[in-house]
Amino acid sequence: MSEIKPQPGIMDIALYVGGKSHVDGVENIVKLSSNENPLGPSEAAKEALVRASHSLHRYPSTDHASLREAIGEVWGLDPARIICGNGSGELLMMIAQAYAGPGDEVLFTEHGFAMYPIYANANGATPVVVPERNRMVDVDALLAACTERTRIVYIANPANPTGTMLGEAALARLADGIPKEALLVLDGAYAEYVEGYDAGAALIADRENVVMTRTFSKIYGLGGLRIGWAYGPQAVVDVLMRLRGPFNLSAPALAAAEAAMRDRDHTAHCRAENAKHRDWLAHALAEIGVPSDVSEANFILARFASEEEAKACNDYLTSQGILLRYVGGYGLPYGIRITVGDEASCRRVVHAISQFKEQQT
């Protein structure tokens, strides 16, 4: 037997499984399994990407200054306190690398993003799962779970896969109640879908223990380029900068992201279209006996009567070329997460689920 051993915690990691993208033998696929923007990126972002292709022989910027300035301009933030990463996932992992290790605890809620325990285990820390209340993050439960070993509390707001979110007062109570050695990390992958939400910027302005992460993969439609950013106290950003590779973002990604950030009209259009189709989808499914919580993201969590019904419905939809995300692995065995697509996709989903329900009677 080999004497070469990985670091503690790594073999406890269960491999992340993404949403399906194809079905053997089935054409005309509707992919609503990965919360992608059906409108795609803005024309400005695509044009910037093409222009950048003429300089592929050049190394990209190491300081990401132009992108950080664009983010700061649009969101009213200090560019010096912004750090960019290869998707928000790289930044979430870097936070764990910097602040959690053997003997430390990383907290997240029972239906939280599946990568949170991976970040903890990859760095030898202990993942701690905290119960939610009716698919909502429970601030009291999180505070009760904190110990002197707590170093990071990960919260997605809006949450994935539930779509629910905490208000600013609840977030402030959480930030003020965690141990002084702990960092509250607000994962804002879906923040742009909430009209007027600052994703935690105001909390960060008044505190030294809150960081927010964001992504270009959702509303900006750039999931294929892998771009994210984080904003937090200068001391935390300075630490993360020491972990970031100098060329972690490509020049085309930087150019497309900057153009996407500055194209506020496209972002607003995507937000409005998502809200319209999300509300229609939720109401249409409720009318055929499939409820969901009010979602603030670009998906809804459809709830079925049982695990058996949810799995059977998901299998039926897959056979029809409709790919959704069964979320039994998130502790929601009765749930299917449905990305909000365009009008035609939403109507196709509702029609197919209606057909499934009729076959069950």
Protein backbone atom coordinates (compact mmCIF):
# COMPACT_ATOMS: atom_id res chain seq x y z
CA MET A 1 0.00 0.00 0.00
CA SER A 2 1.30 3.43 -0.91
CA GLU A 3 2.65 5.59 1.89
CA ILE A 4 1.66 8.72 -0.01
CA LYS A 5 -1.37 10.15 1.77
CA PRO A 6 -3.52 13.22 1.08
CA GLN A 7 -4.08 15.86 3.71
CA PRO A 8 -6.74 15.16 6.37
CA GLY A 9 -10.28 15.80 5.20
CA ILE A 10 -9.68 15.42 1.47
CA MET A 11 -10.88 11.81 1.28
CA ASP A 12 -14.06 12.88 3.11
CA ILE A 13 -15.03 14.98 0.09
CA ALA A 14 -17.95 13.70 -1.98
CA LEU A 15 -17.47 14.73 -5.59
CA TYR A 16 -19.67 17.61 -6.72
CA VAL A 17 -22.20 16.65 -9.37
CA GLY A 18 -23.43 19.41 -11.67
CA GLY A 19 -26.74 19.64 -13.50
CA LYS A 20 -27.33 17.36 -16.47
CA SER A 21 -26.82 18.78 -19.95
CA HIS A 22 -27.86 15.92 -22.25
CA VAL A 23 -29.89 12.73 -22.44
CA ASP A 24 -28.81 9.86 -24.64
CA GLY A 25 -31.16 9.43 -27.57
CA VAL A 26 -33.20 12.54 -26.83
CA GLU A 27 -33.09 15.65 -28.98
CA ASN A 28 -34.57 19.14 -28.49
CA ILE A 29 -33.28 19.33 -24.92
CA VAL A 30 -34.49 22.05 -22.56
CA LYS A 31 -31.71 22.51 -20.00
CA LEU A 32 -32.99 24.10 -16.82
CA SER A 33 -30.66 22.35 -14.40
CA SER A 34 -27.82 24.83 -13.82
CA ASN A 35 -29.49 28.23 -13.26
CA GLU A 36 -28.10 29.69 -16.47
CA ASN A 37 -29.42 32.92 -17.96
CA PRO A 38 -31.57 32.01 -21.01
CA LEU A 39 -30.88 35.45 -22.51
CA GLY A 40 -27.13 34.89 -22.44
CA PRO A 41 -24.50 37.62 -22.19
CA SER A 42 -24.95 41.12 -23.53
CA GLU A 43 -23.86 42.02 -27.05
CA ALA A 44 -21.27 44.32 -25.51
CA ALA A 45 -19.71 41.42 -23.64
CA LYS A 46 -19.59 39.26 -26.75
CA GLU A 47 -18.01 42.05 -28.76
CA ALA A 48 -15.39 42.60 -26.06
CA LEU A 49 -14.59 38.89 -26.09
CA VAL A 50 -14.02 38.94 -29.86
CA ARG A 51 -11.78 41.99 -29.63
CA ALA A 52 -9.73 40.33 -26.92
CA SER A 53 -9.11 37.35 -29.20
CA HIS A 54 -6.67 39.46 -31.20
CA SER A 55 -4.29 39.61 -28.24
CA LEU A 56 -4.31 36.02 -27.06
CA HIS A 57 -0.51 35.89 -27.23
CA ARG A 58 -0.32 38.47 -24.43
CA TYR A 59 -0.54 37.66 -20.75
CA PRO A 60 -3.58 39.13 -18.98
CA SER A 61 -3.50 41.89 -16.41
CA THR A 62 -2.30 40.73 -13.02
CA ASP A 63 -4.12 43.41 -11.01
CA HIS A 64 -7.51 43.27 -12.80
CA ALA A 65 -7.63 47.04 -12.34
CA SER A 66 -10.06 47.84 -15.18
CA LEU A 67 -12.57 45.22 -14.06
CA ARG A 68 -12.31 46.22 -10.41
CA GLU A 69 -12.86 49.85 -11.35
CA ALA A 70 -15.95 48.93 -13.39
CA ILE A 71 -17.38 46.92 -10.49
CA GLY A 72 -16.65 49.75 -8.09
CA GLU A 73 -18.32 52.27 -10.39
CA VAL A 74 -21.49 50.24 -10.88
CA TRP A 75 -21.89 49.12 -7.26
CA GLY A 76 -20.43 52.14 -5.48
CA LEU A 77 -17.55 50.21 -3.93
CA ASP A 78 -13.88 50.89 -3.32
CA PRO A 79 -11.96 49.04 -6.08
CA ALA A 80 -9.05 48.53 -3.70
CA ARG A 81 -11.27 46.26 -1.61
CA ILE A 82 -12.37 44.13 -4.57
CA ILE A 83 -10.63 40.91 -5.58
CA CYS A 84 -11.45 38.93 -8.73
CA GLY A 85 -11.36 35.17 -9.10
CA ASN A 86 -11.95 32.23 -11.39
CA GLY A 87 -15.65 32.22 -10.58
CA SER A 88 -16.83 32.99 -7.07
CA GLY A 89 -15.94 29.38 -6.24
CA GLU A 90 -12.23 30.13 -6.30
CA LEU A 91 -12.75 33.01 -3.90
CA LEU A 92 -14.91 30.94 -1.54
CA MET A 93 -12.19 28.30 -1.50
CA MET A 94 -9.47 30.91 -0.92
CA ILE A 95 -11.37 32.18 2.11
CA ALA A 96 -11.36 28.68 3.56
CA GLN A 97 -7.66 28.30 2.76
CA ALA A 98 -6.88 31.56 4.51
CA TYR A 99 -9.05 31.26 7.60
CA ALA A 100 -9.90 27.60 8.33
CA GLY A 101 -7.75 24.56 9.02
CA PRO A 102 -7.40 21.54 11.30
CA GLY A 103 -9.24 22.09 14.56
CA ASP A 104 -11.43 24.84 13.10
CA GLU A 105 -15.12 24.66 12.19
CA VAL A 106 -16.91 25.93 9.08
CA LEU A 107 -20.66 26.47 9.42
CA PHE A 108 -23.34 26.37 6.73
CA THR A 109 -27.01 25.44 6.66
CA GLU A 110 -28.52 22.06 5.83
CA HIS A 111 -29.74 23.06 2.36
CA GLY A 112 -26.72 25.21 1.58
CA PHE A 113 -24.55 25.06 -1.54
CA ALA A 114 -22.95 21.62 -1.88
CA MET A 115 -19.45 23.10 -2.22
CA TYR A 116 -19.34 24.53 1.31
CA PRO A 117 -18.42 21.24 3.02
CA ILE A 118 -15.89 20.61 0.26
CA TYR A 119 -14.15 23.90 1.03
CA ALA A 120 -13.98 22.91 4.69
CA ASN A 121 -12.73 19.37 4.13
CA ALA A 122 -10.17 20.44 1.52
CA ASN A 123 -8.45 22.52 4.17
CA GLY A 124 -8.72 20.07 7.05
CA ALA A 125 -11.45 22.00 8.85
CA THR A 126 -14.60 20.42 10.27
CA PRO A 127 -17.83 21.12 8.35
CA VAL A 128 -20.79 21.83 10.63
CA VAL A 129 -24.30 21.53 9.20
CA VAL A 130 -26.94 23.74 10.85
CA PRO A 131 -30.70 23.12 10.50
CA GLU A 132 -32.90 25.54 8.58
CA ARG A 133 -36.48 26.47 9.41
CA ASN A 134 -39.01 25.90 6.62
CA ARG A 135 -36.22 26.11 4.02
CA MET A 136 -35.03 29.43 5.43
CA VAL A 137 -31.68 30.16 7.01
CA ASP A 138 -32.25 30.18 10.79
CA VAL A 139 -30.11 32.87 12.40
CA ASP A 140 -30.79 31.61 15.93
CA ALA A 141 -29.75 28.08 14.97
CA LEU A 142 -26.54 29.36 13.37
CA LEU A 143 -25.63 31.43 16.42
CA ALA A 144 -26.36 28.48 18.71
CA ALA A 145 -24.07 26.27 16.62
CA CYS A 146 -21.11 28.63 16.90
CA THR A 147 -18.25 27.62 19.19
CA GLU A 148 -14.80 28.94 19.98
CA ARG A 149 -13.61 26.89 17.00
CA THR A 150 -15.92 28.58 14.47
CA ARG A 151 -13.92 30.43 11.84
CA ILE A 152 -16.25 30.77 8.83
CA VAL A 153 -20.02 30.96 8.38
CA TYR A 154 -21.11 30.54 4.75
CA ILE A 155 -24.54 31.90 3.78
CA ALA A 156 -25.95 32.07 0.27
CA ASN A 157 -28.39 34.97 0.01
CA PRO A 158 -30.61 34.38 -1.94
CA ALA A 159 -30.10 30.74 -1.10
CA ASN A 160 -29.54 27.88 -3.51
CA PRO A 161 -31.54 25.65 -4.04
CA THR A 162 -34.44 27.18 -2.09
CA GLY A 163 -34.46 30.72 -3.51
CA THR A 164 -35.32 32.15 -0.09
CA MET A 165 -33.34 34.97 1.50
CA LEU A 166 -32.70 36.84 4.72
CA GLY A 167 -33.33 40.54 5.12
CA GLU A 168 -30.67 43.04 6.13
CA ALA A 169 -31.69 43.11 9.80
CA ALA A 170 -31.35 39.33 10.12
CA LEU A 171 -27.98 39.39 8.38
CA ALA A 172 -26.78 42.16 10.68
CA ARG A 173 -27.85 40.17 13.74
CA LEU A 174 -25.93 37.19 12.44
CA ALA A 175 -22.81 39.24 11.71
CA ASP A 176 -22.91 40.82 15.15
CA GLY A 177 -23.57 37.54 16.95
CA ILE A 178 -20.90 35.21 15.59
CA PRO A 179 -17.62 34.81 17.49
CA LYS A 180 -15.13 37.64 17.06
CA GLU A 181 -12.65 35.24 15.42
CA ALA A 182 -15.18 34.20 12.73
CA LEU A 183 -15.88 35.55 9.27
CA LEU A 184 -19.38 35.78 7.79
CA VAL A 185 -19.25 35.03 4.06
CA LEU A 186 -22.27 36.14 2.04
CA ASP A 187 -22.40 34.15 -1.18
CA GLY A 188 -24.31 36.47 -3.52
CA ALA A 189 -24.38 34.46 -6.73
CA TYR A 190 -28.02 35.46 -7.27
CA ALA A 191 -27.94 38.90 -5.65
CA GLU A 192 -28.43 40.79 -8.92
CA TYR A 193 -31.85 39.21 -9.36
CA VAL A 194 -33.12 41.09 -6.28
CA GLU A 195 -34.09 44.66 -7.12
CA GLY A 196 -32.24 47.13 -4.89
CA TYR A 197 -30.26 44.53 -2.93
CA ASP A 198 -26.65 45.48 -2.20
CA ALA A 199 -25.64 41.88 -1.35
CA GLY A 200 -24.17 42.95 1.99
CA ALA A 201 -22.18 46.05 1.04
CA ALA A 202 -23.74 48.14 3.81
CA LEU A 203 -22.95 45.45 6.38
CA ILE A 204 -19.35 45.37 5.25
CA ALA A 205 -19.07 49.15 5.46
CA ASP A 206 -19.72 49.00 9.21
CA ARG A 207 -17.94 45.76 10.13
CA GLU A 208 -14.61 43.96 9.82
CA ASN A 209 -16.02 40.41 9.81
CA VAL A 210 -18.18 40.24 6.65
CA VAL A 211 -17.18 39.41 3.08
CA MET A 212 -19.44 39.07 0.04
CA THR A 213 -18.76 37.06 -3.09
CA ARG A 214 -20.39 37.55 -6.49
CA THR A 215 -20.34 35.88 -9.89
CA PHE A 216 -20.66 36.71 -13.57
CA SER A 217 -22.08 33.24 -14.23
CA LYS A 218 -25.74 33.98 -13.54
CA ILE A 219 -27.40 37.24 -14.54
CA TYR A 220 -24.43 38.31 -16.69
CA GLY A 221 -24.57 35.05 -18.66
CA LEU A 222 -20.83 34.36 -18.56
CA GLY A 223 -20.75 30.97 -16.83
CA GLY A 224 -18.48 29.57 -19.53
CA LEU A 225 -15.76 32.11 -18.79
CA ARG A 226 -15.54 31.58 -15.00
CA ILE A 227 -15.35 35.04 -13.44
CA GLY A 228 -16.21 36.12 -9.92
CA TRP A 229 -15.37 38.81 -7.42
CA ALA A 230 -15.41 39.49 -3.72
CA TYR A 231 -15.62 42.62 -1.59
CA GLY A 232 -14.72 42.93 2.05
CA PRO A 233 -12.59 44.58 4.70
CA GLN A 234 -9.20 45.69 3.39
CA ALA A 235 -7.41 43.37 5.80
CA VAL A 236 -9.27 40.33 4.46
CA VAL A 237 -8.77 41.31 0.83
CA ASP A 238 -5.05 41.79 1.48
CA VAL A 239 -4.87 38.23 2.83
CA LEU A 240 -6.73 36.78 -0.14
CA MET A 241 -4.49 38.65 -2.57
CA ARG A 242 -1.56 36.65 -1.20
CA LEU A 243 -3.28 33.42 -2.23
CA ARG A 244 -4.52 34.48 -5.64
CA GLY A 245 -2.50 33.36 -8.63
CA PRO A 246 -1.20 36.26 -10.74
CA PHE A 247 -2.94 35.06 -13.92
CA ASN A 248 -6.08 33.43 -12.52
CA LEU A 249 -8.31 35.23 -15.06
CA SER A 250 -7.74 35.27 -18.81
CA ALA A 251 -7.65 38.48 -20.84
CA PRO A 252 -10.84 37.56 -22.77
CA ALA A 253 -12.66 36.85 -19.50
CA LEU A 254 -11.57 40.16 -18.02
CA ALA A 255 -12.66 42.08 -21.13
CA ALA A 256 -16.06 40.37 -21.35
CA ALA A 257 -16.72 40.81 -17.64
CA GLU A 258 -15.94 44.52 -17.72
CA ALA A 259 -18.27 45.06 -20.67
CA ALA A 260 -21.00 42.97 -19.03
CA MET A 261 -20.72 44.93 -15.79
CA ARG A 262 -21.03 48.25 -17.57
CA ASP A 263 -24.03 47.17 -19.66
CA ARG A 264 -26.60 48.04 -17.02
CA ASP A 265 -29.49 48.00 -19.48
CA HIS A 266 -28.93 44.34 -20.30
CA THR A 267 -28.69 43.46 -16.61
CA ALA A 268 -31.93 45.29 -15.86
CA HIS A 269 -33.64 43.57 -18.80
CA CYS A 270 -32.51 40.14 -17.59
CA ARG A 271 -33.75 40.91 -14.08
CA ALA A 272 -37.17 42.00 -15.31
CA GLU A 273 -37.60 39.04 -17.68
CA ASN A 274 -36.58 36.61 -14.94
CA ALA A 275 -39.06 38.07 -12.46
CA LYS A 276 -41.88 37.89 -14.99
CA HIS A 277 -41.29 34.28 -15.99
CA ARG A 278 -40.44 33.17 -12.45
CA ASP A 279 -43.73 34.46 -11.09
CA TRP A 280 -45.69 32.90 -13.95
CA LEU A 281 -43.93 29.56 -13.48
CA ALA A 282 -44.53 29.48 -9.73
CA HIS A 283 -48.22 30.36 -10.06
CA ALA A 284 -48.82 27.94 -12.93
CA LEU A 285 -47.26 25.06 -11.00
CA ALA A 286 -49.17 25.96 -7.83
CA GLU A 287 -52.39 25.70 -9.79
CA ILE A 288 -51.65 22.06 -10.62
CA GLY A 289 -50.68 21.18 -7.05
CA VAL A 290 -46.94 21.83 -7.06
CA PRO A 291 -46.14 24.60 -4.56
CA SER A 292 -42.90 26.51 -4.06
CA ASP A 293 -41.57 29.11 -1.67
CA VAL A 294 -41.28 32.69 -2.86
CA SER A 295 -37.99 32.77 -4.75
CA GLU A 296 -35.72 35.78 -5.12
CA ALA A 297 -33.37 34.03 -7.55
CA ASN A 298 -33.56 32.71 -11.13
CA PHE A 299 -35.08 29.38 -10.15
CA ILE A 300 -37.85 27.95 -8.04
CA LEU A 301 -37.85 24.92 -5.78
CA ALA A 302 -40.89 22.87 -6.77
CA ARG A 303 -42.17 20.72 -3.90
CA PHE A 304 -43.89 17.37 -4.43
CA ALA A 305 -45.89 15.21 -2.06
CA SER A 306 -43.09 12.71 -1.51
CA GLU A 307 -39.60 11.67 -2.51
CA GLU A 308 -41.12 8.98 -4.71
CA GLU A 309 -43.27 11.48 -6.61
CA ALA A 310 -40.40 13.94 -7.05
CA LYS A 311 -38.07 11.28 -8.43
CA ALA A 312 -40.74 9.89 -10.73
CA CYS A 313 -41.56 13.35 -12.05
CA ASN A 314 -37.90 14.13 -12.61
CA ASP A 315 -37.45 10.85 -14.50
CA TYR A 316 -40.49 11.57 -16.64
CA LEU A 317 -39.31 15.08 -17.48
CA THR A 318 -35.86 13.77 -18.37
CA SER A 319 -37.44 11.27 -20.76
CA GLN A 320 -39.17 14.24 -22.41
CA GLY A 321 -35.89 16.08 -22.83
CA ILE A 322 -36.48 18.51 -19.95
CA LEU A 323 -33.48 18.61 -17.63
CA LEU A 324 -34.13 19.95 -14.14
CA ARG A 325 -32.24 19.45 -10.86
CA TYR A 326 -33.52 16.89 -8.39
CA VAL A 327 -32.21 18.12 -5.03
CA GLY A 328 -32.38 15.07 -2.81
CA GLY A 329 -28.65 15.53 -2.22
CA TYR A 330 -29.40 18.92 -0.66
CA GLY A 331 -31.61 17.34 2.00
CA LEU A 332 -34.74 18.11 -0.01
CA PRO A 333 -35.84 14.67 -1.28
CA TYR A 334 -39.27 15.99 -2.28
CA GLY A 335 -37.87 18.88 -4.33
CA ILE A 336 -36.92 19.68 -7.90
CA ARG A 337 -35.12 22.92 -8.66
CA ILE A 338 -36.28 24.51 -11.89
CA THR A 339 -34.23 27.21 -13.57
CA VAL A 340 -36.36 30.03 -14.95
CA GLY A 341 -35.98 29.79 -18.70
CA ASP A 342 -37.59 31.76 -21.49
CA GLU A 343 -41.37 31.75 -21.94
CA ALA A 344 -41.40 28.71 -24.22
CA SER A 345 -39.28 26.66 -21.81
CA CYS A 346 -41.40 27.59 -18.80
CA ARG A 347 -44.58 26.63 -20.63
CA ARG A 348 -43.06 23.34 -21.72
CA VAL A 349 -42.11 22.51 -18.12
CA VAL A 350 -45.58 23.25 -16.78
CA HIS A 351 -47.23 21.25 -19.57
CA ALA A 352 -44.98 18.25 -18.93
CA ILE A 353 -45.50 18.30 -15.15
CA SER A 354 -49.23 18.58 -15.73
CA GLN A 355 -49.08 15.52 -17.99
CA PHE A 356 -47.14 13.64 -15.32
CA LYS A 357 -49.67 14.54 -12.65
CA GLU A 358 -52.54 13.41 -14.85
CA GLN A 359 -50.86 10.03 -15.41
CA GLN A 360 -50.61 9.55 -11.64
CA THR A 361 -54.37 9.84 -11.08
